[in-house]
Amino acid sequence: MAGAKIVVLYPRPSDVDVFEKAYTQDHVPLVPKFKGITKFIQSKVIGAPGGGTPAFHRIAELHFPSMDTLNEAAASAGAQEAVAHAVSISTGGAPVFLVCEEETRTF
């Protein structure tokens, strides 16, 4: 059975320092409210091919063992609180939320 994940793309914020403080101190502690989550990966975008300013500043990945577990977690009150908070701190525009079926290959 394939795993599943929610990917959140945060646009470059209007004030990076303010966003980073809100993201790391207030938002990340909300992640465990997603019941059934097995892994959380947070990435800070530091560049893009060809240079220039990347469109996104942060990428968050919330991993679940199955799509059923993801759907159950996403429907919870805790998840809705986390999503609302993500939207409220994303000053560079609305975050992009993606639901993905995951296939992993190890090399």
PDB file of N, CA and C in Angstrom:
ATOM      1  N   MET A   1       0.839  -1.185   0.000  1.00  0.00           N
ATOM      2  CA  MET A   1       0.000   0.000   0.000  1.00  0.00           C
ATOM      3  C   MET A   1       0.881   1.244   0.000  1.00  0.00           C
ATOM      4  N   ALA A   2       0.560   2.161  -0.851  1.00  0.00           N
ATOM      5  CA  ALA A   2       1.326   3.406  -0.961  1.00  0.00           C
ATOM      6  C   ALA A   2       1.042   4.296   0.237  1.00  0.00           C
ATOM      7  N   GLY A   3       2.059   5.015   0.648  1.00  0.00           N
ATOM      8  CA  GLY A   3       1.882   6.010   1.682  1.00  0.00           C
ATOM      9  C   GLY A   3       1.244   7.255   1.094  1.00  0.00           C
ATOM     10  N   ALA A   4       0.992   8.216   1.947  1.00  0.00           N
ATOM     11  CA  ALA A   4       0.368   9.461   1.502  1.00  0.00           C
ATOM     12  C   ALA A   4       0.999  10.614   2.267  1.00  0.00           C
ATOM     13  N   LYS A   5       0.942  11.788   1.656  1.00  0.00           N
ATOM     14  CA  LYS A   5       1.468  12.957   2.355  1.00  0.00           C
ATOM     15  C   LYS A   5       0.726  14.209   1.930  1.00  0.00           C
ATOM     16  N   ILE A   6       0.798  15.182   2.823  1.00  0.00           N
ATOM     17  CA  ILE A   6       0.340  16.534   2.537  1.00  0.00           C
ATOM     18  C   ILE A   6       1.604  17.362   2.352  1.00  0.00           C
ATOM     19  N   VAL A   7       1.667  18.103   1.260  1.00  0.00           N
ATOM     20  CA  VAL A   7       2.786  18.991   0.997  1.00  0.00           C
ATOM     21  C   VAL A   7       2.244  20.421   1.055  1.00  0.00           C
ATOM     22  N   VAL A   8       2.924  21.263   1.807  1.00  0.00           N
ATOM     23  CA  VAL A   8       2.517  22.666   1.921  1.00  0.00           C
ATOM     24  C   VAL A   8       3.668  23.521   1.403  1.00  0.00           C
ATOM     25  N   LEU A   9       3.365  24.366   0.417  1.00  0.00           N
ATOM     26  CA  LEU A   9       4.343  25.283  -0.169  1.00  0.00           C
ATOM     27  C   LEU A   9       4.013  26.694   0.316  1.00  0.00           C
ATOM     28  N   TYR A  10       4.942  27.288   1.030  1.00  0.00           N
ATOM     29  CA  TYR A  10       4.748  28.646   1.541  1.00  0.00           C
ATOM     30  C   TYR A  10       5.440  29.642   0.628  1.00  0.00           C
ATOM     31  N   PRO A  11       4.692  30.581   0.038  1.00  0.00           N
ATOM     32  CA  PRO A  11       5.321  31.615  -0.794  1.00  0.00           C
ATOM     33  C   PRO A  11       6.306  32.450   0.039  1.00  0.00           C
ATOM     34  N   ARG A  12       7.248  33.079  -0.659  1.00  0.00           N
ATOM     35  CA  ARG A  12       8.219  33.939   0.021  1.00  0.00           C
ATOM     36  C   ARG A  12       7.443  35.010   0.794  1.00  0.00           C
ATOM     37  N   PRO A  13       7.661  35.088   2.120  1.00  0.00           N
ATOM     38  CA  PRO A  13       6.890  36.033   2.934  1.00  0.00           C
ATOM     39  C   PRO A  13       7.353  37.477   2.759  1.00  0.00           C
ATOM     40  N   SER A  14       6.491  38.396   3.117  1.00  0.00           N
ATOM     41  CA  SER A  14       6.851  39.810   3.024  1.00  0.00           C
ATOM     42  C   SER A  14       7.933  40.169   4.036  1.00  0.00           C
ATOM     43  N   ASP A  15       7.979  39.483   5.171  1.00  0.00           N
ATOM     44  CA  ASP A  15       9.023  39.680   6.170  1.00  0.00           C
ATOM     45  C   ASP A  15       9.491  38.297   6.624  1.00  0.00           C
ATOM     46  N   VAL A  16      10.644  37.875   6.144  1.00  0.00           N
ATOM     47  CA  VAL A  16      11.153  36.521   6.405  1.00  0.00           C
ATOM     48  C   VAL A  16      11.351  36.279   7.899  1.00  0.00           C
ATOM     49  N   ASP A  17      11.907  37.237   8.617  1.00  0.00           N
ATOM     50  CA  ASP A  17      12.173  37.042  10.041  1.00  0.00           C
ATOM     51  C   ASP A  17      10.884  36.838  10.838  1.00  0.00           C
ATOM     52  N   VAL A  18       9.873  37.623  10.549  1.00  0.00           N
ATOM     53  CA  VAL A  18       8.587  37.488  11.239  1.00  0.00           C
ATOM     54  C   VAL A  18       7.966  36.129  10.908  1.00  0.00           C
ATOM     55  N   PHE A  19       8.007  35.745   9.636  1.00  0.00           N
ATOM     56  CA  PHE A  19       7.463  34.452   9.243  1.00  0.00           C
ATOM     57  C   PHE A  19       8.195  33.312   9.942  1.00  0.00           C
ATOM     58  N   GLU A  20       9.528  33.349   9.931  1.00  0.00           N
ATOM     59  CA  GLU A  20      10.315  32.276  10.538  1.00  0.00           C
ATOM     60  C   GLU A  20       9.990  32.114  12.016  1.00  0.00           C
ATOM     61  N   LYS A  21       9.837  33.208  12.710  1.00  0.00           N
ATOM     62  CA  LYS A  21       9.495  33.136  14.135  1.00  0.00           C
ATOM     63  C   LYS A  21       8.123  32.492  14.316  1.00  0.00           C
ATOM     64  N   ALA A  22       7.137  32.931  13.550  1.00  0.00           N
ATOM     65  CA  ALA A  22       5.785  32.367  13.660  1.00  0.00           C
ATOM     66  C   ALA A  22       5.761  30.900  13.241  1.00  0.00           C
ATOM     67  N   TYR A  23       6.511  30.575  12.193  1.00  0.00           N
ATOM     68  CA  TYR A  23       6.526  29.202  11.686  1.00  0.00           C
ATOM     69  C   TYR A  23       7.174  28.251  12.696  1.00  0.00           C
ATOM     70  N   THR A  24       8.371  28.599  13.158  1.00  0.00           N
ATOM     71  CA  THR A  24       9.104  27.676  14.028  1.00  0.00           C
ATOM     72  C   THR A  24       8.557  27.635  15.452  1.00  0.00           C
ATOM     73  N   GLN A  25       8.134  28.773  15.983  1.00  0.00           N
ATOM     74  CA  GLN A  25       7.704  28.820  17.386  1.00  0.00           C
ATOM     75  C   GLN A  25       6.224  28.513  17.579  1.00  0.00           C
ATOM     76  N   ASP A  26       5.395  28.905  16.628  1.00  0.00           N
ATOM     77  CA  ASP A  26       3.950  28.754  16.805  1.00  0.00           C
ATOM     78  C   ASP A  26       3.338  27.662  15.923  1.00  0.00           C
ATOM     79  N   HIS A  27       3.821  27.560  14.685  1.00  0.00           N
ATOM     80  CA  HIS A  27       3.178  26.639  13.745  1.00  0.00           C
ATOM     81  C   HIS A  27       3.663  25.198  13.864  1.00  0.00           C
ATOM     82  N   VAL A  28       4.952  24.993  13.864  1.00  0.00           N
ATOM     83  CA  VAL A  28       5.494  23.626  13.924  1.00  0.00           C
ATOM     84  C   VAL A  28       4.946  22.853  15.128  1.00  0.00           C
ATOM     85  N   PRO A  29       4.763  23.464  16.303  1.00  0.00           N
ATOM     86  CA  PRO A  29       4.181  22.710  17.418  1.00  0.00           C
ATOM     87  C   PRO A  29       2.748  22.213  17.173  1.00  0.00           C
ATOM     88  N   LEU A  30       2.080  22.714  16.148  1.00  0.00           N
ATOM     89  CA  LEU A  30       0.722  22.246  15.820  1.00  0.00           C
ATOM     90  C   LEU A  30       0.736  20.943  15.013  1.00  0.00           C
ATOM     91  N   VAL A  31       1.860  20.594  14.417  1.00  0.00           N
ATOM     92  CA  VAL A  31       1.933  19.425  13.529  1.00  0.00           C
ATOM     93  C   VAL A  31       1.488  18.132  14.209  1.00  0.00           C
ATOM     94  N   PRO A  32       1.868  17.869  15.459  1.00  0.00           N
ATOM     95  CA  PRO A  32       1.428  16.617  16.088  1.00  0.00           C
ATOM     96  C   PRO A  32      -0.088  16.483  16.248  1.00  0.00           C
ATOM     97  N   LYS A  33      -0.838  17.546  15.999  1.00  0.00           N
ATOM     98  CA  LYS A  33      -2.297  17.463  16.066  1.00  0.00           C
ATOM     99  C   LYS A  33      -2.872  16.628  14.921  1.00  0.00           C
ATOM    100  N   PHE A  34      -2.054  16.331  13.906  1.00  0.00           N
ATOM    101  CA  PHE A  34      -2.476  15.461  12.811  1.00  0.00           C
ATOM    102  C   PHE A  34      -2.325  14.015  13.287  1.00  0.00           C
ATOM    103  N   LYS A  35      -3.423  13.428  13.739  1.00  0.00           N
ATOM    104  CA  LYS A  35      -3.385  12.064  14.262  1.00  0.00           C
ATOM    105  C   LYS A  35      -2.930  11.094  13.163  1.00  0.00           C
ATOM    106  N   GLY A  36      -2.011  10.212  13.519  1.00  0.00           N
ATOM    107  CA  GLY A  36      -1.549   9.205  12.569  1.00  0.00           C
ATOM    108  C   GLY A  36      -0.340   9.623  11.757  1.00  0.00           C
ATOM    109  N   ILE A  37       0.134  10.853  11.935  1.00  0.00           N
ATOM    110  CA  ILE A  37       1.314  11.304  11.194  1.00  0.00           C
ATOM    111  C   ILE A  37       2.518  10.446  11.597  1.00  0.00           C
ATOM    112  N   THR A  38       3.326  10.070  10.616  1.00  0.00           N
ATOM    113  CA  THR A  38       4.498   9.234  10.893  1.00  0.00           C
ATOM    114  C   THR A  38       5.811   9.984  10.723  1.00  0.00           C
ATOM    115  N   LYS A  39       5.783  11.064   9.959  1.00  0.00           N
ATOM    116  CA  LYS A  39       7.017  11.811   9.716  1.00  0.00           C
ATOM    117  C   LYS A  39       6.653  13.223   9.277  1.00  0.00           C
ATOM    118  N   PHE A  40       7.482  14.177   9.694  1.00  0.00           N
ATOM    119  CA  PHE A  40       7.314  15.571   9.289  1.00  0.00           C
ATOM    120  C   PHE A  40       8.660  16.065   8.780  1.00  0.00           C
ATOM    121  N   ILE A  41       8.680  16.561   7.570  1.00  0.00           N
ATOM    122  CA  ILE A  41       9.895  17.118   6.979  1.00  0.00           C
ATOM    123  C   ILE A  41       9.630  18.586   6.684  1.00  0.00           C
ATOM    124  N   GLN A  42      10.524  19.440   7.151  1.00  0.00           N
ATOM    125  CA  GLN A  42      10.405  20.869   6.845  1.00  0.00           C
ATOM    126  C   GLN A  42      11.674  21.305   6.130  1.00  0.00           C
ATOM    127  N   SER A  43      11.494  21.981   5.033  1.00  0.00           N
ATOM    128  CA  SER A  43      12.622  22.439   4.223  1.00  0.00           C
ATOM    129  C   SER A  43      12.536  23.942   4.030  1.00  0.00           C
ATOM    130  N   LYS A  44      13.703  24.585   4.078  1.00  0.00           N
ATOM    131  CA  LYS A  44      13.785  26.008   3.771  1.00  0.00           C
ATOM    132  C   LYS A  44      14.417  26.108   2.386  1.00  0.00           C
ATOM    133  N   VAL A  45      13.745  26.783   1.467  1.00  0.00           N
ATOM    134  CA  VAL A  45      14.230  26.927   0.090  1.00  0.00           C
ATOM    135  C   VAL A  45      15.322  27.985   0.091  1.00  0.00           C
ATOM    136  N   ILE A  46      16.496  27.600  -0.417  1.00  0.00           N
ATOM    137  CA  ILE A  46      17.643  28.526  -0.387  1.00  0.00           C
ATOM    138  C   ILE A  46      18.096  28.976  -1.770  1.00  0.00           C
ATOM    139  N   GLY A  47      17.494  28.450  -2.821  1.00  0.00           N
ATOM    140  CA  GLY A  47      17.879  28.853  -4.167  1.00  0.00           C
ATOM    141  C   GLY A  47      17.020  28.173  -5.203  1.00  0.00           C
ATOM    142  N   ALA A  48      17.239  28.562  -6.444  1.00  0.00           N
ATOM    143  CA  ALA A  48      16.518  27.986  -7.571  1.00  0.00           C
ATOM    144  C   ALA A  48      17.476  27.885  -8.751  1.00  0.00           C
ATOM    145  N   PRO A  49      17.257  26.911  -9.633  1.00  0.00           N
ATOM    146  CA  PRO A  49      18.106  26.823 -10.830  1.00  0.00           C
ATOM    147  C   PRO A  49      18.063  28.138 -11.607  1.00  0.00           C
ATOM    148  N   GLY A  50      19.200  28.585 -12.042  1.00  0.00           N
ATOM    149  CA  GLY A  50      19.256  29.823 -12.813  1.00  0.00           C
ATOM    150  C   GLY A  50      19.325  31.067 -11.961  1.00  0.00           C
ATOM    151  N   GLY A  51      19.339  30.905 -10.642  1.00  0.00           N
ATOM    152  CA  GLY A  51      19.415  32.065  -9.760  1.00  0.00           C
ATOM    153  C   GLY A  51      18.068  32.724  -9.571  1.00  0.00           C
ATOM    154  N   GLY A  52      18.090  33.915  -9.104  1.00  0.00           N
ATOM    155  CA  GLY A  52      16.854  34.643  -8.842  1.00  0.00           C
ATOM    156  C   GLY A  52      16.258  34.228  -7.504  1.00  0.00           C
ATOM    157  N   THR A  53      15.205  34.893  -7.146  1.00  0.00           N
ATOM    158  CA  THR A  53      14.531  34.618  -5.888  1.00  0.00           C
ATOM    159  C   THR A  53      13.503  33.518  -6.095  1.00  0.00           C
ATOM    160  N   PRO A  54      13.594  32.437  -5.330  1.00  0.00           N
ATOM    161  CA  PRO A  54      12.611  31.353  -5.465  1.00  0.00           C
ATOM    162  C   PRO A  54      11.206  31.842  -5.101  1.00  0.00           C
ATOM    163  N   ALA A  55      10.218  31.264  -5.726  1.00  0.00           N
ATOM    164  CA  ALA A  55       8.826  31.637  -5.456  1.00  0.00           C
ATOM    165  C   ALA A  55       8.375  31.180  -4.068  1.00  0.00           C
ATOM    166  N   PHE A  56       8.989  30.106  -3.574  1.00  0.00           N
ATOM    167  CA  PHE A  56       8.577  29.558  -2.283  1.00  0.00           C
ATOM    168  C   PHE A  56       9.714  29.671  -1.279  1.00  0.00           C
ATOM    169  N   HIS A  57       9.339  29.835  -0.003  1.00  0.00           N
ATOM    170  CA  HIS A  57      10.310  29.994   1.074  1.00  0.00           C
ATOM    171  C   HIS A  57      10.450  28.723   1.907  1.00  0.00           C
ATOM    172  N   ARG A  58       9.351  28.050   2.151  1.00  0.00           N
ATOM    173  CA  ARG A  58       9.352  26.827   2.954  1.00  0.00           C
ATOM    174  C   ARG A  58       8.485  25.776   2.289  1.00  0.00           C
ATOM    175  N   ILE A  59       8.864  24.522   2.504  1.00  0.00           N
ATOM    176  CA  ILE A  59       8.069  23.379   2.059  1.00  0.00           C
ATOM    177  C   ILE A  59       7.931  22.455   3.263  1.00  0.00           C
ATOM    178  N   ALA A  60       6.717  22.079   3.568  1.00  0.00           N
ATOM    179  CA  ALA A  60       6.459  21.149   4.669  1.00  0.00           C
ATOM    180  C   ALA A  60       5.837  19.885   4.091  1.00  0.00           C
ATOM    181  N   GLU A  61       6.278  18.733   4.595  1.00  0.00           N
ATOM    182  CA  GLU A  61       5.730  17.443   4.180  1.00  0.00           C
ATOM    183  C   GLU A  61       5.259  16.700   5.423  1.00  0.00           C
ATOM    184  N   LEU A  62       3.994  16.324   5.433  1.00  0.00           N
ATOM    185  CA  LEU A  62       3.412  15.566   6.529  1.00  0.00           C
ATOM    186  C   LEU A  62       3.075  14.176   5.989  1.00  0.00           C
ATOM    187  N   HIS A  63       3.746  13.164   6.502  1.00  0.00           N
ATOM    188  CA  HIS A  63       3.644  11.806   5.970  1.00  0.00           C
ATOM    189  C   HIS A  63       2.691  10.950   6.802  1.00  0.00           C
ATOM    190  N   PHE A  64       1.943  10.099   6.096  1.00  0.00           N
ATOM    191  CA  PHE A  64       0.974   9.202   6.715  1.00  0.00           C
ATOM    192  C   PHE A  64       1.105   7.816   6.090  1.00  0.00           C
ATOM    193  N   PRO A  65       0.730   6.754   6.813  1.00  0.00           N
ATOM    194  CA  PRO A  65       0.874   5.409   6.268  1.00  0.00           C
ATOM    195  C   PRO A  65      -0.088   5.091   5.124  1.00  0.00           C
ATOM    196  N   SER A  66      -1.193   5.826   5.036  1.00  0.00           N
ATOM    197  CA  SER A  66      -2.177   5.553   3.980  1.00  0.00           C
ATOM    198  C   SER A  66      -3.007   6.798   3.703  1.00  0.00           C
ATOM    199  N   MET A  67      -3.697   6.785   2.583  1.00  0.00           N
ATOM    200  CA  MET A  67      -4.587   7.893   2.240  1.00  0.00           C
ATOM    201  C   MET A  67      -5.758   7.960   3.222  1.00  0.00           C
ATOM    202  N   ASP A  68      -6.224   6.815   3.696  1.00  0.00           N
ATOM    203  CA  ASP A  68      -7.307   6.810   4.684  1.00  0.00           C
ATOM    204  C   ASP A  68      -6.880   7.520   5.963  1.00  0.00           C
ATOM    205  N   THR A  69      -5.660   7.236   6.427  1.00  0.00           N
ATOM    206  CA  THR A  69      -5.150   7.887   7.639  1.00  0.00           C
ATOM    207  C   THR A  69      -4.994   9.389   7.413  1.00  0.00           C
ATOM    208  N   LEU A  70      -4.482   9.777   6.254  1.00  0.00           N
ATOM    209  CA  LEU A  70      -4.345  11.201   5.916  1.00  0.00           C
ATOM    210  C   LEU A  70      -5.711  11.877   5.939  1.00  0.00           C
ATOM    211  N   ASN A  71      -6.688  11.280   5.293  1.00  0.00           N
ATOM    212  CA  ASN A  71      -8.021  11.888   5.230  1.00  0.00           C
ATOM    213  C   ASN A  71      -8.641  12.033   6.614  1.00  0.00           C
ATOM    214  N   GLU A  72      -8.465  11.026   7.449  1.00  0.00           N
ATOM    215  CA  GLU A  72      -8.988  11.093   8.812  1.00  0.00           C
ATOM    216  C   GLU A  72      -8.299  12.212   9.593  1.00  0.00           C
ATOM    217  N   ALA A  73      -6.981  12.294   9.457  1.00  0.00           N
ATOM    218  CA  ALA A  73      -6.227  13.338  10.150  1.00  0.00           C
ATOM    219  C   ALA A  73      -6.626  14.726   9.661  1.00  0.00           C
ATOM    220  N   ALA A  74      -6.763  14.883   8.366  1.00  0.00           N
ATOM    221  CA  ALA A  74      -7.082  16.195   7.789  1.00  0.00           C
ATOM    222  C   ALA A  74      -8.470  16.681   8.188  1.00  0.00           C
ATOM    223  N   ALA A  75      -9.354  15.778   8.519  1.00  0.00           N
ATOM    224  CA  ALA A  75     -10.720  16.150   8.888  1.00  0.00           C
ATOM    225  C   ALA A  75     -10.839  16.556  10.355  1.00  0.00           C
ATOM    226  N   SER A  76      -9.787  16.373  11.135  1.00  0.00           N
ATOM    227  CA  SER A  76      -9.856  16.641  12.571  1.00  0.00           C
ATOM    228  C   SER A  76      -9.830  18.134  12.874  1.00  0.00           C
ATOM    229  N   ALA A  77     -10.326  18.484  14.055  1.00  0.00           N
ATOM    230  CA  ALA A  77     -10.320  19.881  14.499  1.00  0.00           C
ATOM    231  C   ALA A  77      -8.886  20.404  14.639  1.00  0.00           C
ATOM    232  N   GLY A  78      -7.972  19.570  15.114  1.00  0.00           N
ATOM    233  CA  GLY A  78      -6.578  19.982  15.255  1.00  0.00           C
ATOM    234  C   GLY A  78      -5.944  20.321  13.922  1.00  0.00           C
ATOM    235  N   ALA A  79      -6.253  19.520  12.906  1.00  0.00           N
ATOM    236  CA  ALA A  79      -5.720  19.791  11.570  1.00  0.00           C
ATOM    237  C   ALA A  79      -6.298  21.087  11.015  1.00  0.00           C
ATOM    238  N   GLN A  80      -7.568  21.311  11.235  1.00  0.00           N
ATOM    239  CA  GLN A  80      -8.187  22.543  10.750  1.00  0.00           C
ATOM    240  C   GLN A  80      -7.561  23.767  11.426  1.00  0.00           C
ATOM    241  N   GLU A  81      -7.228  23.619  12.703  1.00  0.00           N
ATOM    242  CA  GLU A  81      -6.531  24.702  13.417  1.00  0.00           C
ATOM    243  C   GLU A  81      -5.160  24.956  12.789  1.00  0.00           C
ATOM    244  N   ALA A  82      -4.434  23.894  12.484  1.00  0.00           N
ATOM    245  CA  ALA A  82      -3.102  24.030  11.888  1.00  0.00           C
ATOM    246  C   ALA A  82      -3.182  24.667  10.502  1.00  0.00           C
ATOM    247  N   VAL A  83      -4.164  24.270   9.708  1.00  0.00           N
ATOM    248  CA  VAL A  83      -4.329  24.840   8.374  1.00  0.00           C
ATOM    249  C   VAL A  83      -4.665  26.331   8.468  1.00  0.00           C
ATOM    250  N   ALA A  84      -5.575  26.684   9.355  1.00  0.00           N
ATOM    251  CA  ALA A  84      -5.937  28.098   9.521  1.00  0.00           C
ATOM    252  C   ALA A  84      -4.718  28.914   9.955  1.00  0.00           C
ATOM    253  N   HIS A  85      -3.907  28.337  10.830  1.00  0.00           N
ATOM    254  CA  HIS A  85      -2.707  29.047  11.273  1.00  0.00           C
ATOM    255  C   HIS A  85      -1.714  29.206  10.124  1.00  0.00           C
ATOM    256  N   ALA A  86      -1.560  28.155   9.303  1.00  0.00           N
ATOM    257  CA  ALA A  86      -0.660  28.236   8.143  1.00  0.00           C
ATOM    258  C   ALA A  86      -1.074  29.382   7.228  1.00  0.00           C
ATOM    259  N   VAL A  87      -2.355  29.501   6.986  1.00  0.00           N
ATOM    260  CA  VAL A  87      -2.863  30.572   6.126  1.00  0.00           C
ATOM    261  C   VAL A  87      -2.594  31.935   6.772  1.00  0.00           C
ATOM    262  N   SER A  88      -2.781  32.028   8.081  1.00  0.00           N
ATOM    263  CA  SER A  88      -2.639  33.320   8.761  1.00  0.00           C
ATOM    264  C   SER A  88      -1.192  33.826   8.791  1.00  0.00           C
ATOM    265  N   ILE A  89      -0.204  32.922   8.780  1.00  0.00           N
ATOM    266  CA  ILE A  89       1.196  33.377   8.845  1.00  0.00           C
ATOM    267  C   ILE A  89       1.831  33.536   7.466  1.00  0.00           C
ATOM    268  N   SER A  90       1.143  33.105   6.425  1.00  0.00           N
ATOM    269  CA  SER A  90       1.707  33.122   5.077  1.00  0.00           C
ATOM    270  C   SER A  90       1.483  34.487   4.424  1.00  0.00           C
ATOM    271  N   THR A  91       2.361  35.438   4.729  1.00  0.00           N
ATOM    272  CA  THR A  91       2.179  36.823   4.291  1.00  0.00           C
ATOM    273  C   THR A  91       2.566  37.078   2.839  1.00  0.00           C
ATOM    274  N   GLY A  92       3.155  36.093   2.180  1.00  0.00           N
ATOM    275  CA  GLY A  92       3.522  36.263   0.778  1.00  0.00           C
ATOM    276  C   GLY A  92       2.455  35.773  -0.176  1.00  0.00           C
ATOM    277  N   GLY A  93       1.329  35.387   0.351  1.00  0.00           N
ATOM    278  CA  GLY A  93       0.233  34.820  -0.427  1.00  0.00           C
ATOM    279  C   GLY A  93      -0.222  33.537   0.238  1.00  0.00           C
ATOM    280  N   ALA A  94      -1.306  33.005  -0.231  1.00  0.00           N
ATOM    281  CA  ALA A  94      -1.855  31.786   0.367  1.00  0.00           C
ATOM    282  C   ALA A  94      -0.906  30.609   0.152  1.00  0.00           C
ATOM    283  N   PRO A  95      -0.730  29.779   1.179  1.00  0.00           N
ATOM    284  CA  PRO A  95       0.088  28.586   0.969  1.00  0.00           C
ATOM    285  C   PRO A  95      -0.628  27.632   0.013  1.00  0.00           C
ATOM    286  N   VAL A  96       0.149  26.838  -0.687  1.00  0.00           N
ATOM    287  CA  VAL A  96      -0.389  25.836  -1.608  1.00  0.00           C
ATOM    288  C   VAL A  96      -0.395  24.503  -0.861  1.00  0.00           C
ATOM    289  N   PHE A  97      -1.555  23.856  -0.792  1.00  0.00           N
ATOM    290  CA  PHE A  97      -1.695  22.560  -0.137  1.00  0.00           C
ATOM    291  C   PHE A  97      -1.891  21.492  -1.199  1.00  0.00           C
ATOM    292  N   LEU A  98      -1.083  20.438  -1.138  1.00  0.00           N
ATOM    293  CA  LEU A  98      -1.175  19.334  -2.086  1.00  0.00           C
ATOM    294  C   LEU A  98      -1.344  18.028  -1.318  1.00  0.00           C
ATOM    295  N   VAL A  99      -2.196  17.148  -1.818  1.00  0.00           N
ATOM    296  CA  VAL A  99      -2.347  15.806  -1.264  1.00  0.00           C
ATOM    297  C   VAL A  99      -1.713  14.854  -2.268  1.00  0.00           C
ATOM    298  N   CYS A 100      -0.775  14.035  -1.782  1.00  0.00           N
ATOM    299  CA  CYS A 100       0.020  13.195  -2.677  1.00  0.00           C
ATOM    300  C   CYS A 100      -0.007  11.738  -2.245  1.00  0.00           C
ATOM    301  N   GLU A 101      -0.074  10.854  -3.221  1.00  0.00           N
ATOM    302  CA  GLU A 101       0.195   9.447  -2.976  1.00  0.00           C
ATOM    303  C   GLU A 101       1.697   9.283  -3.133  1.00  0.00           C
ATOM    304  N   GLU A 102       2.312   8.587  -2.216  1.00  0.00           N
ATOM    305  CA  GLU A 102       3.761   8.531  -2.186  1.00  0.00           C
ATOM    306  C   GLU A 102       4.290   7.135  -2.533  1.00  0.00           C
ATOM    307  N   GLU A 103       5.264   7.115  -3.389  1.00  0.00           N
ATOM    308  CA  GLU A 103       5.997   5.895  -3.716  1.00  0.00           C
ATOM    309  C   GLU A 103       7.461   6.176  -3.426  1.00  0.00           C
ATOM    310  N   THR A 104       8.112   5.285  -2.706  1.00  0.00           N
ATOM    311  CA  THR A 104       9.494   5.491  -2.317  1.00  0.00           C
ATOM    312  C   THR A 104      10.391   4.430  -2.938  1.00  0.00           C
ATOM    313  N   ARG A 105      11.522   4.880  -3.436  1.00  0.00           N
ATOM    314  CA  ARG A 105      12.575   3.978  -3.918  1.00  0.00           C
ATOM    315  C   ARG A 105      13.839   4.348  -3.186  1.00  0.00           C
ATOM    316  N   THR A 106      14.530   3.368  -2.698  1.00  0.00           N
ATOM    317  CA  THR A 106      15.781   3.585  -1.996  1.00  0.00           C
ATOM    318  C   THR A 106      16.921   3.098  -2.859  1.00  0.00           C
ATOM    319  N   PHE A 107      17.957   3.907  -2.990  1.00  0.00           N
ATOM    320  CA  PHE A 107      19.110   3.546  -3.826  1.00  0.00           C
ATOM    321  C   PHE A 107      20.338   3.372  -2.971  1.00  0.00           C
TER     322      PHE A 107
END
